[in-house]
Amino acid sequence: MEQEVTFKKFVGEMAAIGREPSVIIDIPKATVFSIISTIQLASRHPGARASATAREAIEVARQWQVLMFPVEQFPVAAQLLEDGWNKELDY
């Protein structure tokens, strides 16, 4: 019963968090690269892509990839990140 109450409270808090203004944060690009790579790894977990949260994380990671690692400026990093979405390149 306690878990159900906690979950309901969490759902309410998440709704409130969703209404909060966007945030601006200062993160080194190398850290963003690591975060994108971690999202890629987590998205390999069975069933992960089915959740709305995972889809949002993947969408944000893809946006960061394009914005922060343009092919023209960082061709190798951009290609490594793009390859990270391709399961066929896993080893």
Protein backbone atom coordinates (compact mmCIF):
# COMPACT_ATOMS: atom_id res chain seq x y z
CA MET A 1 0.00 0.00 0.00
CA GLU A 2 2.82 2.38 0.86
CA GLN A 3 4.38 1.92 -2.61
CA GLU A 4 1.04 2.83 -4.22
CA VAL A 5 0.80 6.02 -2.16
CA THR A 6 4.41 6.91 -3.00
CA PHE A 7 3.76 6.30 -6.70
CA LYS A 8 0.66 8.53 -6.66
CA LYS A 9 2.64 11.28 -4.93
CA PHE A 10 5.42 10.88 -7.48
CA VAL A 11 2.95 11.17 -10.37
CA GLY A 12 1.63 14.38 -8.84
CA GLU A 13 5.12 15.76 -8.39
CA MET A 14 6.07 14.89 -11.97
CA ALA A 15 3.01 16.78 -13.21
CA ALA A 16 4.14 19.81 -11.20
CA ILE A 17 7.72 19.42 -12.45
CA GLY A 18 6.38 19.36 -16.00
CA ARG A 19 4.88 22.81 -15.45
CA GLU A 20 8.15 24.28 -14.19
CA PRO A 21 10.12 26.60 -16.50
CA SER A 22 12.96 25.20 -18.58
CA VAL A 23 16.44 25.34 -17.13
CA ILE A 24 19.71 26.53 -18.58
CA ILE A 25 22.76 24.57 -17.50
CA ASP A 26 26.46 24.77 -18.29
CA ILE A 27 27.91 21.35 -19.15
CA PRO A 28 31.20 20.65 -20.90
CA LYS A 29 30.72 19.11 -24.36
CA ALA A 30 32.79 16.09 -23.34
CA THR A 31 30.25 15.43 -20.58
CA VAL A 32 27.39 15.77 -23.07
CA PHE A 33 29.14 13.20 -25.27
CA SER A 34 29.27 10.84 -22.28
CA ILE A 35 25.60 11.43 -21.46
CA ILE A 36 24.57 10.69 -25.05
CA SER A 37 26.67 7.52 -25.01
CA THR A 38 25.06 6.45 -21.74
CA ILE A 39 21.57 7.01 -23.16
CA GLN A 40 22.57 4.93 -26.18
CA LEU A 41 23.70 2.12 -23.90
CA ALA A 42 20.59 2.33 -21.71
CA SER A 43 18.36 2.26 -24.79
CA ARG A 44 19.74 -1.20 -25.59
CA HIS A 45 18.01 -2.64 -22.51
CA PRO A 46 15.11 -4.89 -23.57
CA GLY A 47 11.90 -2.89 -23.64
CA ALA A 48 13.59 0.41 -22.86
CA ARG A 49 12.54 2.12 -26.08
CA ALA A 50 8.91 1.31 -25.33
CA SER A 51 8.73 3.73 -22.41
CA ALA A 52 7.83 7.38 -22.91
CA THR A 53 10.73 8.39 -20.67
CA ALA A 54 13.23 6.48 -22.81
CA ARG A 55 11.82 7.96 -26.00
CA GLU A 56 12.16 11.46 -24.52
CA ALA A 57 15.75 10.77 -23.45
CA ILE A 58 16.63 9.44 -26.90
CA GLU A 59 15.05 12.46 -28.59
CA VAL A 60 16.98 14.88 -26.37
CA ALA A 61 20.22 12.95 -26.92
CA ARG A 62 19.72 13.09 -30.69
CA GLN A 63 19.08 16.84 -30.52
CA TRP A 64 22.23 17.37 -28.45
CA GLN A 65 24.16 15.23 -30.91
CA VAL A 66 23.19 17.39 -33.86
CA LEU A 67 23.54 20.72 -32.05
CA MET A 68 26.78 20.12 -30.19
CA PHE A 69 28.70 17.79 -32.49
CA PRO A 70 28.10 19.00 -36.04
CA VAL A 71 29.71 16.83 -38.69
CA GLU A 72 31.48 19.83 -40.22
CA GLN A 73 33.24 20.68 -36.94
CA PHE A 74 33.60 17.27 -35.25
CA PRO A 75 33.38 14.63 -38.00
CA VAL A 76 34.81 11.74 -35.99
CA ALA A 77 32.81 12.43 -32.81
CA ALA A 78 29.65 12.94 -34.87
CA GLN A 79 30.17 9.62 -36.64
CA LEU A 80 30.90 7.77 -33.40
CA LEU A 81 27.71 9.11 -31.88
CA GLU A 82 25.69 8.23 -34.96
CA ASP A 83 27.17 4.74 -34.95
CA GLY A 84 26.12 4.43 -31.31
CA TRP A 85 22.46 4.32 -32.37
CA ASN A 86 23.09 1.43 -34.74
CA LYS A 87 22.70 -1.94 -32.97
CA GLU A 88 24.36 -3.69 -35.91
CA LEU A 89 27.63 -1.97 -35.00
CA ASP A 90 27.61 -3.25 -31.41
CA TYR A 91 30.32 -5.71 -30.53
